[in-house]
């Protein structure tokens, strides 16, 4: 069965309805080679400078929460992973 992948896509640009479409399509094809399927995706916009993520507390909190949720789902007894 496909293995789950949790990803975070970050862009410096703040707008664009299809901003992540090309990157996501390429990533999906790449991950398919290794039997991964994107299950959880977090997309952050407007992160251009080195400290942008550190200074944007909601974005930083969302990234930490997404990482914790991914770890929890991968290590849960139902999945039997890790």
PDB file of N, CA and C in Angstrom:
ATOM      1  N   UNK A   1       0.838  -1.208   0.000  1.00  0.00           N
ATOM      2  CA  UNK A   1       0.000   0.000   0.000  1.00  0.00           C
ATOM      3  C   UNK A   1       0.875   1.261   0.000  1.00  0.00           C
ATOM      4  N   UNK A   2       0.341   2.346  -0.544  1.00  0.00           N
ATOM      5  CA  UNK A   2       1.105   3.596  -0.543  1.00  0.00           C
ATOM      6  C   UNK A   2       1.418   4.059   0.879  1.00  0.00           C
ATOM      7  N   UNK A   3       2.590   4.638   1.023  1.00  0.00           N
ATOM      8  CA  UNK A   3       2.990   5.181   2.320  1.00  0.00           C
ATOM      9  C   UNK A   3       2.615   6.653   2.375  1.00  0.00           C
ATOM     10  N   UNK A   4       2.177   7.139   3.534  1.00  0.00           N
ATOM     11  CA  UNK A   4       1.744   8.535   3.628  1.00  0.00           C
ATOM     12  C   UNK A   4       2.929   9.501   3.656  1.00  0.00           C
ATOM     13  N   UNK A   5       2.727  10.647   3.041  1.00  0.00           N
ATOM     14  CA  UNK A   5       3.720  11.717   3.062  1.00  0.00           C
ATOM     15  C   UNK A   5       3.044  12.993   3.537  1.00  0.00           C
ATOM     16  N   UNK A   6       3.670  13.674   4.464  1.00  0.00           N
ATOM     17  CA  UNK A   6       3.205  14.979   4.926  1.00  0.00           C
ATOM     18  C   UNK A   6       4.209  16.001   4.408  1.00  0.00           C
ATOM     19  N   UNK A   7       3.718  17.043   3.749  1.00  0.00           N
ATOM     20  CA  UNK A   7       4.619  18.007   3.139  1.00  0.00           C
ATOM     21  C   UNK A   7       4.257  19.427   3.542  1.00  0.00           C
ATOM     22  N   UNK A   8       5.242  20.296   3.476  1.00  0.00           N
ATOM     23  CA  UNK A   8       5.038  21.727   3.678  1.00  0.00           C
ATOM     24  C   UNK A   8       5.672  22.441   2.492  1.00  0.00           C
ATOM     25  N   UNK A   9       4.877  23.206   1.786  1.00  0.00           N
ATOM     26  CA  UNK A   9       5.353  24.004   0.664  1.00  0.00           C
ATOM     27  C   UNK A   9       5.386  25.461   1.105  1.00  0.00           C
ATOM     28  N   UNK A  10       6.498  26.130   0.826  1.00  0.00           N
ATOM     29  CA  UNK A  10       6.683  27.520   1.264  1.00  0.00           C
ATOM     30  C   UNK A  10       7.051  28.369   0.056  1.00  0.00           C
ATOM     31  N   UNK A  11       6.413  29.538  -0.044  1.00  0.00           N
ATOM     32  CA  UNK A  11       6.693  30.452  -1.153  1.00  0.00           C
ATOM     33  C   UNK A  11       6.869  31.869  -0.618  1.00  0.00           C
ATOM     34  N   UNK A  12       7.711  32.614  -1.280  1.00  0.00           N
ATOM     35  CA  UNK A  12       7.894  34.012  -0.921  1.00  0.00           C
ATOM     36  C   UNK A  12       6.731  34.872  -1.399  1.00  0.00           C
ATOM     37  N   UNK A  13       6.098  34.443  -2.446  1.00  0.00           N
ATOM     38  CA  UNK A  13       4.972  35.190  -3.013  1.00  0.00           C
ATOM     39  C   UNK A  13       3.737  35.016  -2.126  1.00  0.00           C
ATOM     40  N   UNK A  14       2.952  36.061  -2.009  1.00  0.00           N
ATOM     41  CA  UNK A  14       1.774  36.018  -1.143  1.00  0.00           C
ATOM     42  C   UNK A  14       0.488  35.666  -1.884  1.00  0.00           C
ATOM     43  N   UNK A  15       0.461  35.794  -3.191  1.00  0.00           N
ATOM     44  CA  UNK A  15      -0.788  35.584  -3.923  1.00  0.00           C
ATOM     45  C   UNK A  15      -0.584  34.664  -5.111  1.00  0.00           C
ATOM     46  N   UNK A  16      -1.689  34.219  -5.650  1.00  0.00           N
ATOM     47  CA  UNK A  16      -1.673  33.325  -6.803  1.00  0.00           C
ATOM     48  C   UNK A  16      -2.455  32.071  -6.477  1.00  0.00           C
ATOM     49  N   UNK A  17      -3.558  31.881  -7.192  1.00  0.00           N
ATOM     50  CA  UNK A  17      -4.432  30.735  -6.938  1.00  0.00           C
ATOM     51  C   UNK A  17      -3.731  29.406  -7.200  1.00  0.00           C
ATOM     52  N   UNK A  18      -2.809  29.388  -8.130  1.00  0.00           N
ATOM     53  CA  UNK A  18      -2.144  28.141  -8.516  1.00  0.00           C
ATOM     54  C   UNK A  18      -0.659  28.167  -8.160  1.00  0.00           C
ATOM     55  N   UNK A  19      -0.326  28.903  -7.122  1.00  0.00           N
ATOM     56  CA  UNK A  19       1.066  29.114  -6.742  1.00  0.00           C
ATOM     57  C   UNK A  19       1.828  27.809  -6.522  1.00  0.00           C
ATOM     58  N   UNK A  20       1.199  26.839  -5.905  1.00  0.00           N
ATOM     59  CA  UNK A  20       1.885  25.595  -5.553  1.00  0.00           C
ATOM     60  C   UNK A  20       1.550  24.433  -6.495  1.00  0.00           C
ATOM     61  N   UNK A  21       0.718  24.662  -7.492  1.00  0.00           N
ATOM     62  CA  UNK A  21       0.269  23.556  -8.349  1.00  0.00           C
ATOM     63  C   UNK A  21       1.416  22.831  -9.049  1.00  0.00           C
ATOM     64  N   UNK A  22       2.339  23.574  -9.641  1.00  0.00           N
ATOM     65  CA  UNK A  22       3.447  22.947 -10.352  1.00  0.00           C
ATOM     66  C   UNK A  22       4.361  22.160  -9.420  1.00  0.00           C
ATOM     67  N   UNK A  23       4.692  22.750  -8.285  1.00  0.00           N
ATOM     68  CA  UNK A  23       5.558  22.068  -7.310  1.00  0.00           C
ATOM     69  C   UNK A  23       4.876  20.821  -6.762  1.00  0.00           C
ATOM     70  N   UNK A  24       3.595  20.916  -6.496  1.00  0.00           N
ATOM     71  CA  UNK A  24       2.864  19.772  -5.961  1.00  0.00           C
ATOM     72  C   UNK A  24       2.768  18.644  -6.985  1.00  0.00           C
ATOM     73  N   UNK A  25       2.527  18.976  -8.234  1.00  0.00           N
ATOM     74  CA  UNK A  25       2.457  17.963  -9.278  1.00  0.00           C
ATOM     75  C   UNK A  25       3.807  17.246  -9.425  1.00  0.00           C
ATOM     76  N   UNK A  26       4.881  18.011  -9.467  1.00  0.00           N
ATOM     77  CA  UNK A  26       6.224  17.426  -9.571  1.00  0.00           C
ATOM     78  C   UNK A  26       6.537  16.560  -8.362  1.00  0.00           C
ATOM     79  N   UNK A  27       6.219  17.049  -7.178  1.00  0.00           N
ATOM     80  CA  UNK A  27       6.477  16.291  -5.956  1.00  0.00           C
ATOM     81  C   UNK A  27       5.668  14.997  -5.928  1.00  0.00           C
ATOM     82  N   UNK A  28       4.429  15.050  -6.370  1.00  0.00           N
ATOM     83  CA  UNK A  28       3.604  13.836  -6.415  1.00  0.00           C
ATOM     84  C   UNK A  28       4.209  12.773  -7.322  1.00  0.00           C
ATOM     85  N   UNK A  29       4.682  13.184  -8.494  1.00  0.00           N
ATOM     86  CA  UNK A  29       5.316  12.223  -9.411  1.00  0.00           C
ATOM     87  C   UNK A  29       6.597  11.667  -8.822  1.00  0.00           C
ATOM     88  N   UNK A  30       7.380  12.503  -8.176  1.00  0.00           N
ATOM     89  CA  UNK A  30       8.617  12.044  -7.552  1.00  0.00           C
ATOM     90  C   UNK A  30       8.330  11.055  -6.426  1.00  0.00           C
ATOM     91  N   UNK A  31       7.386  11.398  -5.553  1.00  0.00           N
ATOM     92  CA  UNK A  31       7.069  10.535  -4.410  1.00  0.00           C
ATOM     93  C   UNK A  31       6.452   9.207  -4.845  1.00  0.00           C
ATOM     94  N   UNK A  32       5.721   9.223  -5.938  1.00  0.00           N
ATOM     95  CA  UNK A  32       5.107   7.998  -6.445  1.00  0.00           C
ATOM     96  C   UNK A  32       6.171   6.931  -6.736  1.00  0.00           C
ATOM     97  N   UNK A  33       7.339   7.367  -7.172  1.00  0.00           N
ATOM     98  CA  UNK A  33       8.447   6.455  -7.451  1.00  0.00           C
ATOM     99  C   UNK A  33       8.821   5.635  -6.216  1.00  0.00           C
ATOM    100  N   UNK A  34       8.671   6.230  -5.048  1.00  0.00           N
ATOM    101  CA  UNK A  34       9.038   5.586  -3.788  1.00  0.00           C
ATOM    102  C   UNK A  34       7.819   5.079  -3.012  1.00  0.00           C
ATOM    103  N   UNK A  35       6.686   5.000  -3.698  1.00  0.00           N
ATOM    104  CA  UNK A  35       5.437   4.486  -3.128  1.00  0.00           C
ATOM    105  C   UNK A  35       4.901   5.369  -1.995  1.00  0.00           C
ATOM    106  N   UNK A  36       5.094   6.676  -2.137  1.00  0.00           N
ATOM    107  CA  UNK A  36       4.518   7.633  -1.191  1.00  0.00           C
ATOM    108  C   UNK A  36       3.346   8.342  -1.842  1.00  0.00           C
ATOM    109  N   UNK A  37       2.390   8.740  -1.016  1.00  0.00           N
ATOM    110  CA  UNK A  37       1.240   9.503  -1.482  1.00  0.00           C
ATOM    111  C   UNK A  37       1.044  10.666  -0.517  1.00  0.00           C
ATOM    112  N   UNK A  38       0.939  11.876  -1.063  1.00  0.00           N
ATOM    113  CA  UNK A  38       0.748  13.053  -0.214  1.00  0.00           C
ATOM    114  C   UNK A  38      -0.584  12.933   0.497  1.00  0.00           C
ATOM    115  N   UNK A  39      -0.524  12.924   1.809  1.00  0.00           N
ATOM    116  CA  UNK A  39      -1.736  12.814   2.612  1.00  0.00           C
ATOM    117  C   UNK A  39      -2.037  14.152   3.282  1.00  0.00           C
ATOM    118  N   UNK A  40      -1.030  14.772   3.834  1.00  0.00           N
ATOM    119  CA  UNK A  40      -1.215  16.045   4.528  1.00  0.00           C
ATOM    120  C   UNK A  40      -0.331  17.095   3.874  1.00  0.00           C
ATOM    121  N   UNK A  41      -0.917  18.265   3.615  1.00  0.00           N
ATOM    122  CA  UNK A  41      -0.182  19.338   2.968  1.00  0.00           C
ATOM    123  C   UNK A  41      -0.419  20.640   3.702  1.00  0.00           C
ATOM    124  N   UNK A  42       0.657  21.347   3.972  1.00  0.00           N
ATOM    125  CA  UNK A  42       0.592  22.682   4.548  1.00  0.00           C
ATOM    126  C   UNK A  42       1.278  23.609   3.555  1.00  0.00           C
ATOM    127  N   UNK A  43       0.625  24.697   3.180  1.00  0.00           N
ATOM    128  CA  UNK A  43       1.194  25.666   2.251  1.00  0.00           C
ATOM    129  C   UNK A  43       1.293  27.013   2.947  1.00  0.00           C
ATOM    130  N   UNK A  44       2.489  27.563   2.964  1.00  0.00           N
ATOM    131  CA  UNK A  44       2.733  28.854   3.602  1.00  0.00           C
ATOM    132  C   UNK A  44       3.178  29.844   2.542  1.00  0.00           C
ATOM    133  N   UNK A  45       2.579  31.015   2.553  1.00  0.00           N
ATOM    134  CA  UNK A  45       2.884  32.055   1.574  1.00  0.00           C
ATOM    135  C   UNK A  45       3.540  33.252   2.255  1.00  0.00           C
ATOM    136  N   UNK A  46       4.302  33.995   1.490  1.00  0.00           N
ATOM    137  CA  UNK A  46       4.889  35.230   1.994  1.00  0.00           C
ATOM    138  C   UNK A  46       6.076  35.009   2.914  1.00  0.00           C
ATOM    139  N   UNK A  47       6.728  33.883   2.791  1.00  0.00           N
ATOM    140  CA  UNK A  47       7.907  33.583   3.611  1.00  0.00           C
ATOM    141  C   UNK A  47       9.136  33.752   2.724  1.00  0.00           C
ATOM    142  N   UNK A  48       9.670  34.970   2.661  1.00  0.00           N
ATOM    143  CA  UNK A  48      10.749  35.264   1.727  1.00  0.00           C
ATOM    144  C   UNK A  48      12.085  35.521   2.439  1.00  0.00           C
ATOM    145  N   UNK A  49      12.050  36.225   3.530  1.00  0.00           N
ATOM    146  CA  UNK A  49      13.280  36.552   4.267  1.00  0.00           C
ATOM    147  C   UNK A  49      13.630  35.427   5.238  1.00  0.00           C
ATOM    148  N   UNK A  50      14.853  35.439   5.687  1.00  0.00           N
ATOM    149  CA  UNK A  50      15.355  34.372   6.554  1.00  0.00           C
ATOM    150  C   UNK A  50      14.546  34.229   7.849  1.00  0.00           C
ATOM    151  N   UNK A  51      14.062  35.317   8.400  1.00  0.00           N
ATOM    152  CA  UNK A  51      13.356  35.265   9.687  1.00  0.00           C
ATOM    153  C   UNK A  51      11.836  35.284   9.558  1.00  0.00           C
ATOM    154  N   UNK A  52      11.304  35.224   8.352  1.00  0.00           N
ATOM    155  CA  UNK A  52       9.855  35.335   8.162  1.00  0.00           C
ATOM    156  C   UNK A  52       9.077  34.266   8.928  1.00  0.00           C
ATOM    157  N   UNK A  53       9.510  33.036   8.885  1.00  0.00           N
ATOM    158  CA  UNK A  53       8.787  31.969   9.589  1.00  0.00           C
ATOM    159  C   UNK A  53       8.905  32.150  11.096  1.00  0.00           C
ATOM    160  N   UNK A  54      10.072  32.518  11.564  1.00  0.00           N
ATOM    161  CA  UNK A  54      10.286  32.716  13.006  1.00  0.00           C
ATOM    162  C   UNK A  54       9.399  33.834  13.551  1.00  0.00           C
ATOM    163  N   UNK A  55       9.178  34.864  12.745  1.00  0.00           N
ATOM    164  CA  UNK A  55       8.396  36.020  13.191  1.00  0.00           C
ATOM    165  C   UNK A  55       6.891  35.843  12.985  1.00  0.00           C
ATOM    166  N   UNK A  56       6.485  34.903  12.165  1.00  0.00           N
ATOM    167  CA  UNK A  56       5.065  34.677  11.888  1.00  0.00           C
ATOM    168  C   UNK A  56       4.590  33.541  12.799  1.00  0.00           C
ATOM    169  N   UNK A  57       4.120  33.898  13.975  1.00  0.00           N
ATOM    170  CA  UNK A  57       3.749  32.893  14.973  1.00  0.00           C
ATOM    171  C   UNK A  57       2.629  31.952  14.526  1.00  0.00           C
ATOM    172  N   UNK A  58       1.576  32.431  13.865  1.00  0.00           N
ATOM    173  CA  UNK A  58       0.554  31.479  13.394  1.00  0.00           C
ATOM    174  C   UNK A  58       1.121  30.456  12.399  1.00  0.00           C
ATOM    175  N   UNK A  59       1.976  30.909  11.477  1.00  0.00           N
ATOM    176  CA  UNK A  59       2.570  29.986  10.509  1.00  0.00           C
ATOM    177  C   UNK A  59       3.510  29.008  11.203  1.00  0.00           C
ATOM    178  N   UNK A  60       4.300  29.503  12.128  1.00  0.00           N
ATOM    179  CA  UNK A  60       5.223  28.634  12.869  1.00  0.00           C
ATOM    180  C   UNK A  60       4.446  27.605  13.686  1.00  0.00           C
ATOM    181  N   UNK A  61       3.394  28.041  14.342  1.00  0.00           N
ATOM    182  CA  UNK A  61       2.569  27.118  15.126  1.00  0.00           C
ATOM    183  C   UNK A  61       1.901  26.069  14.233  1.00  0.00           C
ATOM    184  N   UNK A  62       1.442  26.491  13.046  1.00  0.00           N
ATOM    185  CA  UNK A  62       0.815  25.549  12.113  1.00  0.00           C
ATOM    186  C   UNK A  62       1.823  24.509  11.643  1.00  0.00           C
ATOM    187  N   UNK A  63       3.059  24.923  11.393  1.00  0.00           N
ATOM    188  CA  UNK A  63       4.092  23.992  10.952  1.00  0.00           C
ATOM    189  C   UNK A  63       4.455  22.996  12.049  1.00  0.00           C
ATOM    190  N   UNK A  64       4.585  23.481  13.264  1.00  0.00           N
ATOM    191  CA  UNK A  64       4.885  22.590  14.392  1.00  0.00           C
ATOM    192  C   UNK A  64       3.734  21.612  14.622  1.00  0.00           C
ATOM    193  N   UNK A  65       2.510  22.102  14.546  1.00  0.00           N
ATOM    194  CA  UNK A  65       1.340  21.235  14.735  1.00  0.00           C
ATOM    195  C   UNK A  65       1.249  20.191  13.623  1.00  0.00           C
ATOM    196  N   UNK A  66       1.540  20.589  12.387  1.00  0.00           N
ATOM    197  CA  UNK A  66       1.506  19.643  11.269  1.00  0.00           C
ATOM    198  C   UNK A  66       2.576  18.570  11.441  1.00  0.00           C
ATOM    199  N   UNK A  67       3.745  18.955  11.899  1.00  0.00           N
ATOM    200  CA  UNK A  67       4.810  17.984  12.146  1.00  0.00           C
ATOM    201  C   UNK A  67       4.438  17.021  13.253  1.00  0.00           C
ATOM    202  N   UNK A  68       3.858  17.545  14.323  1.00  0.00           N
ATOM    203  CA  UNK A  68       3.434  16.688  15.432  1.00  0.00           C
ATOM    204  C   UNK A  68       2.337  15.721  14.992  1.00  0.00           C
ATOM    205  N   UNK A  69       1.382  16.218  14.199  1.00  0.00           N
ATOM    206  CA  UNK A  69       0.300  15.353  13.716  1.00  0.00           C
ATOM    207  C   UNK A  69       0.839  14.271  12.783  1.00  0.00           C
ATOM    208  N   UNK A  70       1.792  14.632  11.932  1.00  0.00           N
ATOM    209  CA  UNK A  70       2.387  13.644  11.034  1.00  0.00           C
ATOM    210  C   UNK A  70       3.121  12.578  11.836  1.00  0.00           C
ATOM    211  N   UNK A  71       3.887  12.987  12.819  1.00  0.00           N
ATOM    212  CA  UNK A  71       4.605  12.020  13.655  1.00  0.00           C
ATOM    213  C   UNK A  71       3.628  11.115  14.400  1.00  0.00           C
ATOM    214  N   UNK A  72       2.585  11.694  14.937  1.00  0.00           N
ATOM    215  CA  UNK A  72       1.585  10.929  15.678  1.00  0.00           C
ATOM    216  C   UNK A  72       0.920   9.890  14.779  1.00  0.00           C
ATOM    217  N   UNK A  73       0.569  10.295  13.564  1.00  0.00           N
ATOM    218  CA  UNK A  73      -0.103   9.348  12.668  1.00  0.00           C
ATOM    219  C   UNK A  73       0.854   8.255  12.199  1.00  0.00           C
ATOM    220  N   UNK A  74       2.117   8.579  12.036  1.00  0.00           N
ATOM    221  CA  UNK A  74       3.084   7.573  11.586  1.00  0.00           C
ATOM    222  C   UNK A  74       3.448   6.576  12.678  1.00  0.00           C
ATOM    223  N   UNK A  75       3.360   7.002  13.905  1.00  0.00           N
ATOM    224  CA  UNK A  75       3.753   6.125  15.009  1.00  0.00           C
ATOM    225  C   UNK A  75       2.562   5.524  15.742  1.00  0.00           C
ATOM    226  N   UNK A  76       1.353   5.751  15.230  1.00  0.00           N
ATOM    227  CA  UNK A  76       0.170   5.212  15.896  1.00  0.00           C
ATOM    228  C   UNK A  76       0.116   3.691  15.730  1.00  0.00           C
ATOM    229  N   UNK A  77      -0.477   3.002  16.671  1.00  0.00           N
ATOM    230  CA  UNK A  77      -0.587   1.541  16.591  1.00  0.00           C
ATOM    231  C   UNK A  77      -1.341   1.059  15.355  1.00  0.00           C
ATOM    232  N   UNK A  78      -2.293   1.862  14.843  1.00  0.00           N
ATOM    233  CA  UNK A  78      -3.068   1.432  13.685  1.00  0.00           C
ATOM    234  C   UNK A  78      -2.197   1.293  12.443  1.00  0.00           C
ATOM    235  N   UNK A  79      -1.208   2.184  12.297  1.00  0.00           N
ATOM    236  CA  UNK A  79      -0.394   2.145  11.090  1.00  0.00           C
ATOM    237  C   UNK A  79       0.759   1.152  11.208  1.00  0.00           C
ATOM    238  N   UNK A  80       1.223   0.940  12.433  1.00  0.00           N
ATOM    239  CA  UNK A  80       2.311   0.002  12.651  1.00  0.00           C
ATOM    240  C   UNK A  80       3.627   0.470  12.066  1.00  0.00           C
ATOM    241  N   UNK A  81       3.738   1.746  11.813  1.00  0.00           N
ATOM    242  CA  UNK A  81       4.965   2.285  11.225  1.00  0.00           C
ATOM    243  C   UNK A  81       5.903   2.778  12.318  1.00  0.00           C
ATOM    244  N   UNK A  82       7.162   2.866  11.943  1.00  0.00           N
ATOM    245  CA  UNK A  82       8.225   3.344  12.800  1.00  0.00           C
ATOM    246  C   UNK A  82       8.159   2.629  14.096  1.00  0.00           C
TER     247      UNK A  82
END
